[in-house]
Protein backbone atom coordinates (compact mmCIF):
# COMPACT_ATOMS: atom_id res chain seq x y z
CA MET A 1 -19.12 12.48 0.05
CA LYS A 2 -17.05 11.45 -2.97
CA LYS A 3 -14.36 13.91 -1.86
CA LYS A 4 -14.21 12.31 1.57
CA THR A 5 -13.97 8.85 0.03
CA ARG A 6 -11.08 9.99 -2.16
CA THR A 7 -9.41 11.62 0.85
CA ILE A 8 -9.67 8.38 2.81
CA GLY A 9 -8.17 6.45 -0.11
CA LEU A 10 -5.28 8.89 -0.46
CA ILE A 11 -4.50 8.92 3.26
CA MET A 12 -4.56 5.13 3.39
CA ALA A 13 -2.33 4.90 0.29
CA ILE A 14 0.18 7.27 1.88
CA LEU A 15 0.22 5.44 5.22
CA ILE A 16 0.53 2.01 3.63
CA SER A 17 3.20 3.27 1.22
CA ILE A 18 5.25 4.66 4.11
CA GLY A 19 5.12 1.25 5.79
CA MET A 20 6.10 -0.51 2.57
CA GLY A 21 8.97 1.92 1.92
CA ILE A 22 10.38 1.26 5.37
CA LEU A 23 9.92 -2.49 4.95
CA ALA A 24 11.65 -2.46 1.55
CA SER A 25 14.57 -0.51 3.01
CA ILE A 26 15.01 -3.03 5.80
CA VAL A 27 14.73 -6.09 3.54
CA ILE A 28 17.08 -4.72 0.88
CA SER A 29 19.62 -3.54 3.47
CA LYS A 30 19.83 -7.09 4.86
CA ASN A 31 21.11 -8.30 1.46
CA PRO A 32 24.93 -8.35 1.64
CA ASP A 33 25.19 -7.83 -2.14
CA ALA A 34 23.08 -4.67 -2.10
CA LYS A 35 25.03 -1.49 -2.58
CA THR A 36 22.81 1.14 -1.03
CA PRO A 37 23.33 4.64 0.35
CA PRO A 38 23.40 5.03 4.14
CA PHE A 39 20.23 3.56 5.67
CA PRO A 40 18.45 6.83 6.59
CA ILE A 41 18.91 8.22 3.09
CA PHE A 42 17.99 4.89 1.50
CA CYS A 43 14.88 4.69 3.68
CA LEU A 44 13.79 8.24 2.77
CA ILE A 45 14.27 7.50 -0.94
CA ASN A 46 12.23 4.27 -0.71
CA VAL A 47 9.48 5.93 1.30
CA ALA A 48 9.27 8.87 -1.12
CA GLU A 49 9.13 6.56 -4.15
CA SER A 50 6.52 4.36 -2.45
CA VAL A 51 4.34 7.33 -1.52
CA VAL A 52 4.44 8.79 -5.04
CA VAL A 53 3.54 5.45 -6.63
CA GLY A 54 0.94 4.74 -3.91
CA VAL A 55 -0.81 8.06 -4.50
CA ILE A 56 -0.87 7.45 -8.26
CA VAL A 57 -2.34 3.98 -7.66
CA ALA A 58 -4.97 5.45 -5.32
CA LEU A 59 -5.96 8.05 -7.92
CA VAL A 60 -6.10 5.62 -10.85
CA ILE A 61 -7.35 2.29 -9.49
CA PRO A 62 -10.66 2.21 -7.55
CA LEU A 63 -9.45 -0.15 -4.80
CA GLY A 64 -12.00 1.28 -2.35
CA LYS A 65 -14.87 0.50 -4.70
CA ILE A 66 -13.55 -3.02 -5.18
CA GLY A 67 -13.46 -3.42 -1.39
CA GLN A 68 -17.04 -2.15 -1.13
CA ALA A 69 -18.16 -4.66 -3.76
CA LEU A 70 -16.49 -7.49 -1.84
CA THR A 71 -18.16 -6.47 1.41
CA LYS A 72 -21.56 -6.40 -0.29
CA LYS A 73 -21.02 -9.88 -1.73
CA ALA A 74 -20.00 -11.13 1.71
CA ASN A 75 -22.96 -9.37 3.39
CA ALA A 76 -20.58 -7.56 5.73
CA GLU A 77 -21.95 -4.44 7.38
CA ALA A 78 -19.88 -1.51 8.63
CA PRO A 79 -18.40 -1.11 11.23
CA SER A 80 -18.00 -4.84 11.90
CA LEU A 81 -14.66 -6.63 12.02
CA LYS A 82 -15.76 -8.81 9.09
CA TYR A 83 -16.43 -5.67 7.05
CA ASN A 84 -13.03 -4.19 7.88
CA LEU A 85 -11.17 -7.44 7.16
CA ILE A 86 -12.84 -7.90 3.76
CA ASN A 87 -12.80 -4.24 2.74
CA SER A 88 -9.02 -4.06 3.37
CA ILE A 89 -8.14 -6.92 1.01
CA PRO A 90 -8.12 -5.03 -2.34
CA LEU A 91 -6.34 -2.03 -0.85
CA ALA A 92 -3.63 -4.16 0.71
CA ILE A 93 -3.05 -6.52 -2.20
CA GLY A 94 -3.47 -4.00 -5.00
CA ASN A 95 -1.37 -1.31 -3.40
CA SER A 96 1.38 -3.62 -2.18
CA VAL A 97 1.77 -5.56 -5.42
CA ILE A 98 1.84 -2.50 -7.66
CA VAL A 99 3.88 -0.24 -5.38
CA SER A 100 6.46 -2.87 -4.48
CA ALA A 101 6.82 -3.92 -8.14
CA VAL A 102 7.33 -0.36 -9.39
CA VAL A 103 9.65 0.75 -6.58
CA SER A 104 11.67 -2.47 -6.87
CA PHE A 105 11.94 -1.99 -10.63
CA ILE A 106 13.16 1.60 -10.18
CA GLY A 107 15.79 0.43 -7.69
CA VAL A 108 16.98 -2.37 -9.95
CA VAL A 109 17.23 -0.07 -12.96
CA GLN A 110 19.24 2.43 -10.90
CA GLY A 111 21.51 -0.28 -9.50
CA ARG A 112 21.96 -1.93 -12.88
CA SER A 113 22.90 1.38 -14.50
CA GLN A 114 25.91 1.58 -12.17
CA MET A 115 27.19 -1.88 -13.16
CA PRO A 116 29.51 -2.53 -16.05
CA ALA A 117 27.41 -3.72 -18.99
CA GLU A 118 29.19 -7.08 -19.19
CA ALA A 119 28.66 -7.76 -15.46
CA ALA A 120 24.98 -6.77 -15.32
CA PRO A 121 22.51 -9.66 -15.27
CA PRO A 122 19.41 -9.49 -17.50
CA LEU A 123 16.97 -6.84 -16.27
CA LEU A 124 13.80 -8.91 -15.76
CA PRO A 125 15.41 -11.78 -13.79
CA MET A 126 17.33 -9.23 -11.72
CA TRP A 127 14.14 -7.28 -11.01
CA PHE A 128 12.07 -10.37 -10.17
CA GLY A 129 14.84 -11.68 -7.90
CA ASN A 130 14.74 -8.42 -5.98
CA TRP A 131 10.97 -8.01 -6.00
CA ALA A 132 10.01 -11.57 -4.99
CA PRO A 133 11.37 -11.36 -1.41
CA LEU A 134 9.42 -8.12 -0.91
CA LEU A 135 6.06 -9.31 -2.21
CA ILE A 136 4.66 -11.42 0.65
CA PRO A 137 5.99 -9.15 3.44
CA SER A 138 4.60 -6.12 1.58
CA ILE A 139 1.15 -7.70 1.33
CA LEU A 140 1.20 -8.65 5.03
CA VAL A 141 2.35 -5.21 6.18
CA SER A 142 -0.17 -3.50 3.90
CA TYR A 143 -3.03 -5.68 5.11
CA VAL A 144 -2.24 -5.18 8.79
CA LEU A 145 -1.89 -1.43 8.29
CA ALA A 146 -5.16 -1.29 6.31
CA VAL A 147 -7.08 -3.26 8.94
CA VAL A 148 -5.69 -1.24 11.84
CA LEU A 149 -5.63 2.24 10.31
CA ALA A 150 -8.71 2.30 8.03
CA PRO A 151 -11.27 2.64 10.86
CA ILE A 152 -9.23 5.45 12.41
CA VAL A 153 -8.82 7.30 9.10
CA VAL A 154 -12.54 6.89 8.31
CA MET A 155 -13.44 8.23 11.75
CA LEU A 156 -11.13 11.24 11.38
CA VAL A 157 -12.19 12.12 7.83
CA MET A 158 -15.91 11.56 8.38
CA GLY A 159 -15.79 13.47 11.66
CA LYS A 160 -17.77 10.92 13.63
CA GLY A 161 -17.30 9.88 17.24
CA LYS A 162 -16.27 6.33 16.42
CA PRO A 163 -15.52 4.29 13.32
CA GLY A 164 -18.71 3.45 11.48
CA ALA A 165 -20.89 5.81 13.48
CA GLY A 166 -23.57 7.26 11.26
CA HIS A 167 -22.09 6.05 8.01
CA ASP A 168 -21.50 2.84 6.11
CA GLY A 169 -17.73 2.56 5.80
CA ALA A 170 -15.55 4.61 3.47
CA GLU A 171 -18.39 5.31 1.05
CA GLY A 172 -20.17 7.48 3.60
CA ARG A 173 -23.66 6.13 2.94
CA PRO A 174 -26.14 6.53 5.78
CA LYS A 175 -26.46 3.37 7.83
CA LYS A 176 -29.52 1.20 7.31
CA GLU A 177 -31.75 1.45 10.36
């Protein structure tokens, strides 16, 4: 069951990271000062970076376990809407904050390396100025994707007829009868 839980976490991290990579590409491309490659290439680069960082986050940080702990504290039972809304919070916030911060930092470092040293602003203010506009939209996109896609991914990985059928969420525990 632990393998299925990890699989669910990885699939969700990949799906959310794809959404965040696309979002970052759109937001950054709207900035008239941004010097980016053509949009399709820029989008593929952002999605690839987001997926790599998202998978690392999923493997290192137990966001699923944190979500399970929150649902227990809130007395939310799978497969209820309350359960899904609460369980998605750590995944959405943790993944979006970390992934958007790292991918934004990579982009800023790459962009800054192409500037003349005397024209380049300080790294941290430049990074924060680029990351800040991405943060709230990334959290919102991640949360919506987590809420919508998690029940589908759980159903597909667990092999049940409907989300929550015969198991208690992503952890795969038998339902209490």
